[in-house]
Amino acid sequence: MNEERKNKRKKRFEFPTAFTVLFIILILAAILTYIVPAGFYSKLQYDSDQNVFW
């Protein structure tokens, strides 16, 4: 019983594996696609007669 207490004290937080971290990032990115709105990009058109973009 004394050894169990020592083992519990020695047990520390272990960093998750690389696959676990990648999976968490993948899930967060998938959730953010529903939260963050898609960008609205203005498109430039070139008027060659007046040599300007509008």
PDB file of N, CA and C in Angstrom:
ATOM      1  N   MET A   1       0.829  -1.195   0.000  1.00  0.00           N
ATOM      2  CA  MET A   1       0.000   0.000   0.000  1.00  0.00           C
ATOM      3  C   MET A   1       0.870   1.254   0.000  1.00  0.00           C
ATOM      4  N   ASN A   2       1.982   1.194   0.646  1.00  0.00           N
ATOM      5  CA  ASN A   2       2.893   2.328   0.694  1.00  0.00           C
ATOM      6  C   ASN A   2       3.455   2.631  -0.693  1.00  0.00           C
ATOM      7  N   GLU A   3       3.685   1.593  -1.492  1.00  0.00           N
ATOM      8  CA  GLU A   3       4.199   1.783  -2.849  1.00  0.00           C
ATOM      9  C   GLU A   3       3.170   2.462  -3.749  1.00  0.00           C
ATOM     10  N   GLU A   4       1.900   2.189  -3.528  1.00  0.00           N
ATOM     11  CA  GLU A   4       0.845   2.819  -4.326  1.00  0.00           C
ATOM     12  C   GLU A   4       0.840   4.326  -4.107  1.00  0.00           C
ATOM     13  N   ARG A   5       1.042   4.729  -2.872  1.00  0.00           N
ATOM     14  CA  ARG A   5       1.075   6.166  -2.588  1.00  0.00           C
ATOM     15  C   ARG A   5       2.259   6.833  -3.276  1.00  0.00           C
ATOM     16  N   LYS A   6       3.402   6.177  -3.271  1.00  0.00           N
ATOM     17  CA  LYS A   6       4.581   6.736  -3.932  1.00  0.00           C
ATOM     18  C   LYS A   6       4.356   6.849  -5.432  1.00  0.00           C
ATOM     19  N   ASN A   7       3.730   5.839  -6.028  1.00  0.00           N
ATOM     20  CA  ASN A   7       3.470   5.869  -7.467  1.00  0.00           C
ATOM     21  C   ASN A   7       2.491   6.978  -7.838  1.00  0.00           C
ATOM     22  N   LYS A   8       1.515   7.216  -6.977  1.00  0.00           N
ATOM     23  CA  LYS A   8       0.538   8.275  -7.253  1.00  0.00           C
ATOM     24  C   LYS A   8       1.198   9.642  -7.183  1.00  0.00           C
ATOM     25  N   ARG A   9       2.130   9.801  -6.257  1.00  0.00           N
ATOM     26  CA  ARG A   9       2.816  11.081  -6.140  1.00  0.00           C
ATOM     27  C   ARG A   9       3.760  11.312  -7.315  1.00  0.00           C
ATOM     28  N   LYS A  10       4.399  10.285  -7.795  1.00  0.00           N
ATOM     29  CA  LYS A  10       5.358  10.415  -8.877  1.00  0.00           C
ATOM     30  C   LYS A  10       4.692  10.626 -10.223  1.00  0.00           C
ATOM     31  N   LYS A  11       3.447  10.232 -10.337  1.00  0.00           N
ATOM     32  CA  LYS A  11       2.764  10.355 -11.623  1.00  0.00           C
ATOM     33  C   LYS A  11       2.532  11.833 -11.914  1.00  0.00           C
ATOM     34  N   ARG A  12       3.065  12.278 -13.020  1.00  0.00           N
ATOM     35  CA  ARG A  12       2.946  13.679 -13.422  1.00  0.00           C
ATOM     36  C   ARG A  12       2.170  13.778 -14.712  1.00  0.00           C
ATOM     37  N   PHE A  13       1.874  15.013 -15.060  1.00  0.00           N
ATOM     38  CA  PHE A  13       1.190  15.260 -16.326  1.00  0.00           C
ATOM     39  C   PHE A  13       2.144  14.939 -17.468  1.00  0.00           C
ATOM     40  N   GLU A  14       1.677  14.115 -18.389  1.00  0.00           N
ATOM     41  CA  GLU A  14       2.475  13.783 -19.568  1.00  0.00           C
ATOM     42  C   GLU A  14       1.858  14.465 -20.777  1.00  0.00           C
ATOM     43  N   PHE A  15       2.705  15.058 -21.581  1.00  0.00           N
ATOM     44  CA  PHE A  15       2.231  15.733 -22.778  1.00  0.00           C
ATOM     45  C   PHE A  15       1.647  14.703 -23.739  1.00  0.00           C
ATOM     46  N   PRO A  16       0.492  15.016 -24.360  1.00  0.00           N
ATOM     47  CA  PRO A  16      -0.117  14.043 -25.274  1.00  0.00           C
ATOM     48  C   PRO A  16       0.762  13.791 -26.502  1.00  0.00           C
ATOM     49  N   THR A  17       0.486  12.710 -27.172  1.00  0.00           N
ATOM     50  CA  THR A  17       1.270  12.352 -28.348  1.00  0.00           C
ATOM     51  C   THR A  17       1.001  13.328 -29.487  1.00  0.00           C
ATOM     52  N   ALA A  18       1.829  13.253 -30.510  1.00  0.00           N
ATOM     53  CA  ALA A  18       1.693  14.149 -31.655  1.00  0.00           C
ATOM     54  C   ALA A  18       0.357  13.929 -32.363  1.00  0.00           C
ATOM     55  N   PHE A  19      -0.084  12.693 -32.442  1.00  0.00           N
ATOM     56  CA  PHE A  19      -1.364  12.409 -33.092  1.00  0.00           C
ATOM     57  C   PHE A  19      -2.530  13.015 -32.321  1.00  0.00           C
ATOM     58  N   THR A  20      -2.442  12.999 -31.016  1.00  0.00           N
ATOM     59  CA  THR A  20      -3.497  13.599 -30.197  1.00  0.00           C
ATOM     60  C   THR A  20      -3.550  15.109 -30.410  1.00  0.00           C
ATOM     61  N   VAL A  21      -2.393  15.742 -30.437  1.00  0.00           N
ATOM     62  CA  VAL A  21      -2.341  17.194 -30.658  1.00  0.00           C
ATOM     63  C   VAL A  21      -2.896  17.539 -32.040  1.00  0.00           C
ATOM     64  N   LEU A  22      -2.503  16.791 -33.058  1.00  0.00           N
ATOM     65  CA  LEU A  22      -3.005  17.043 -34.408  1.00  0.00           C
ATOM     66  C   LEU A  22      -4.506  16.834 -34.495  1.00  0.00           C
ATOM     67  N   PHE A  23      -5.013  15.828 -33.816  1.00  0.00           N
ATOM     68  CA  PHE A  23      -6.452  15.563 -33.824  1.00  0.00           C
ATOM     69  C   PHE A  23      -7.217  16.707 -33.157  1.00  0.00           C
ATOM     70  N   ILE A  24      -6.695  17.217 -32.055  1.00  0.00           N
ATOM     71  CA  ILE A  24      -7.345  18.343 -31.369  1.00  0.00           C
ATOM     72  C   ILE A  24      -7.342  19.576 -32.259  1.00  0.00           C
ATOM     73  N   ILE A  25      -6.235  19.848 -32.932  1.00  0.00           N
ATOM     74  CA  ILE A  25      -6.162  20.991 -33.846  1.00  0.00           C
ATOM     75  C   ILE A  25      -7.137  20.814 -35.000  1.00  0.00           C
ATOM     76  N   LEU A  26      -7.254  19.605 -35.512  1.00  0.00           N
ATOM     77  CA  LEU A  26      -8.186  19.319 -36.596  1.00  0.00           C
ATOM     78  C   LEU A  26      -9.628  19.584 -36.168  1.00  0.00           C
ATOM     79  N   ILE A  27      -9.989  19.140 -34.979  1.00  0.00           N
ATOM     80  CA  ILE A  27     -11.343  19.359 -34.472  1.00  0.00           C
ATOM     81  C   ILE A  27     -11.601  20.846 -34.258  1.00  0.00           C
ATOM     82  N   LEU A  28     -10.645  21.567 -33.699  1.00  0.00           N
ATOM     83  CA  LEU A  28     -10.822  23.011 -33.496  1.00  0.00           C
ATOM     84  C   LEU A  28     -10.977  23.751 -34.823  1.00  0.00           C
ATOM     85  N   ALA A  29     -10.198  23.370 -35.820  1.00  0.00           N
ATOM     86  CA  ALA A  29     -10.307  24.011 -37.130  1.00  0.00           C
ATOM     87  C   ALA A  29     -11.669  23.721 -37.756  1.00  0.00           C
ATOM     88  N   ALA A  30     -12.162  22.516 -37.586  1.00  0.00           N
ATOM     89  CA  ALA A  30     -13.478  22.175 -38.134  1.00  0.00           C
ATOM     90  C   ALA A  30     -14.584  22.971 -37.445  1.00  0.00           C
ATOM     91  N   ILE A  31     -14.473  23.152 -36.150  1.00  0.00           N
ATOM     92  CA  ILE A  31     -15.472  23.942 -35.416  1.00  0.00           C
ATOM     93  C   ILE A  31     -15.401  25.404 -35.830  1.00  0.00           C
ATOM     94  N   LEU A  32     -14.198  25.916 -36.016  1.00  0.00           N
ATOM     95  CA  LEU A  32     -14.038  27.327 -36.388  1.00  0.00           C
ATOM     96  C   LEU A  32     -14.600  27.639 -37.768  1.00  0.00           C
ATOM     97  N   THR A  33     -14.705  26.643 -38.640  1.00  0.00           N
ATOM     98  CA  THR A  33     -15.287  26.902 -39.959  1.00  0.00           C
ATOM     99  C   THR A  33     -16.760  27.274 -39.845  1.00  0.00           C
ATOM    100  N   TYR A  34     -17.412  26.864 -38.774  1.00  0.00           N
ATOM    101  CA  TYR A  34     -18.803  27.237 -38.565  1.00  0.00           C
ATOM    102  C   TYR A  34     -18.936  28.546 -37.812  1.00  0.00           C
ATOM    103  N   ILE A  35     -17.905  28.949 -37.091  1.00  0.00           N
ATOM    104  CA  ILE A  35     -17.969  30.163 -36.276  1.00  0.00           C
ATOM    105  C   ILE A  35     -17.457  31.379 -37.036  1.00  0.00           C
ATOM    106  N   VAL A  36     -16.295  31.252 -37.657  1.00  0.00           N
ATOM    107  CA  VAL A  36     -15.676  32.379 -38.361  1.00  0.00           C
ATOM    108  C   VAL A  36     -16.315  32.505 -39.744  1.00  0.00           C
ATOM    109  N   PRO A  37     -16.818  33.687 -40.069  1.00  0.00           N
ATOM    110  CA  PRO A  37     -17.467  33.833 -41.373  1.00  0.00           C
ATOM    111  C   PRO A  37     -16.463  33.777 -42.519  1.00  0.00           C
ATOM    112  N   ALA A  38     -16.939  33.313 -43.641  1.00  0.00           N
ATOM    113  CA  ALA A  38     -16.092  33.258 -44.825  1.00  0.00           C
ATOM    114  C   ALA A  38     -15.795  34.678 -45.282  1.00  0.00           C
ATOM    115  N   GLY A  39     -14.621  34.873 -45.802  1.00  0.00           N
ATOM    116  CA  GLY A  39     -14.221  36.212 -46.231  1.00  0.00           C
ATOM    117  C   GLY A  39     -14.956  36.652 -47.485  1.00  0.00           C
ATOM    118  N   PHE A  40     -15.243  37.932 -47.545  1.00  0.00           N
ATOM    119  CA  PHE A  40     -15.839  38.520 -48.743  1.00  0.00           C
ATOM    120  C   PHE A  40     -14.750  39.375 -49.361  1.00  0.00           C
ATOM    121  N   TYR A  41     -14.300  38.976 -50.502  1.00  0.00           N
ATOM    122  CA  TYR A  41     -13.180  39.653 -51.132  1.00  0.00           C
ATOM    123  C   TYR A  41     -13.688  40.468 -52.319  1.00  0.00           C
ATOM    124  N   SER A  42     -13.309  41.725 -52.320  1.00  0.00           N
ATOM    125  CA  SER A  42     -13.667  42.555 -53.459  1.00  0.00           C
ATOM    126  C   SER A  42     -12.745  42.209 -54.618  1.00  0.00           C
ATOM    127  N   LYS A  43     -13.306  42.209 -55.789  1.00  0.00           N
ATOM    128  CA  LYS A  43     -12.534  41.845 -56.974  1.00  0.00           C
ATOM    129  C   LYS A  43     -12.251  43.099 -57.794  1.00  0.00           C
ATOM    130  N   LEU A  44     -11.013  43.251 -58.171  1.00  0.00           N
ATOM    131  CA  LEU A  44     -10.630  44.386 -58.992  1.00  0.00           C
ATOM    132  C   LEU A  44     -10.810  44.034 -60.466  1.00  0.00           C
ATOM    133  N   GLN A  45     -11.260  45.026 -61.196  1.00  0.00           N
ATOM    134  CA  GLN A  45     -11.357  44.871 -62.641  1.00  0.00           C
ATOM    135  C   GLN A  45     -10.524  45.971 -63.283  1.00  0.00           C
ATOM    136  N   TYR A  46      -9.871  45.599 -64.338  1.00  0.00           N
ATOM    137  CA  TYR A  46      -8.985  46.547 -65.005  1.00  0.00           C
ATOM    138  C   TYR A  46      -9.697  47.143 -66.218  1.00  0.00           C
ATOM    139  N   ASP A  47      -9.711  48.457 -66.270  1.00  0.00           N
ATOM    140  CA  ASP A  47     -10.280  49.175 -67.412  1.00  0.00           C
ATOM    141  C   ASP A  47      -9.111  49.647 -68.266  1.00  0.00           C
ATOM    142  N   SER A  48      -8.891  48.955 -69.388  1.00  0.00           N
ATOM    143  CA  SER A  48      -7.736  49.269 -70.235  1.00  0.00           C
ATOM    144  C   SER A  48      -7.875  50.598 -70.953  1.00  0.00           C
ATOM    145  N   ASP A  49      -9.086  51.055 -71.147  1.00  0.00           N
ATOM    146  CA  ASP A  49      -9.269  52.347 -71.822  1.00  0.00           C
ATOM    147  C   ASP A  49      -8.766  53.498 -70.940  1.00  0.00           C
ATOM    148  N   GLN A  50      -9.086  53.438 -69.662  1.00  0.00           N
ATOM    149  CA  GLN A  50      -8.680  54.504 -68.749  1.00  0.00           C
ATOM    150  C   GLN A  50      -7.410  54.150 -67.961  1.00  0.00           C
ATOM    151  N   ASN A  51      -6.909  52.931 -68.136  1.00  0.00           N
ATOM    152  CA  ASN A  51      -5.692  52.473 -67.480  1.00  0.00           C
ATOM    153  C   ASN A  51      -5.811  52.538 -65.949  1.00  0.00           C
ATOM    154  N   VAL A  52      -6.957  52.058 -65.418  1.00  0.00           N
ATOM    155  CA  VAL A  52      -7.189  52.068 -63.980  1.00  0.00           C
ATOM    156  C   VAL A  52      -7.852  50.750 -63.552  1.00  0.00           C
ATOM    157  N   PHE A  53      -7.679  50.452 -62.271  1.00  0.00           N
ATOM    158  CA  PHE A  53      -8.419  49.363 -61.644  1.00  0.00           C
ATOM    159  C   PHE A  53      -9.635  49.952 -60.943  1.00  0.00           C
ATOM    160  N   TRP A  54     -10.715  49.248 -60.994  1.00  0.00           N
ATOM    161  CA  TRP A  54     -11.912  49.680 -60.243  1.00  0.00           C
ATOM    162  C   TRP A  54     -12.659  48.517 -59.710  1.00  0.00           C
TER     163      TRP A  54
END
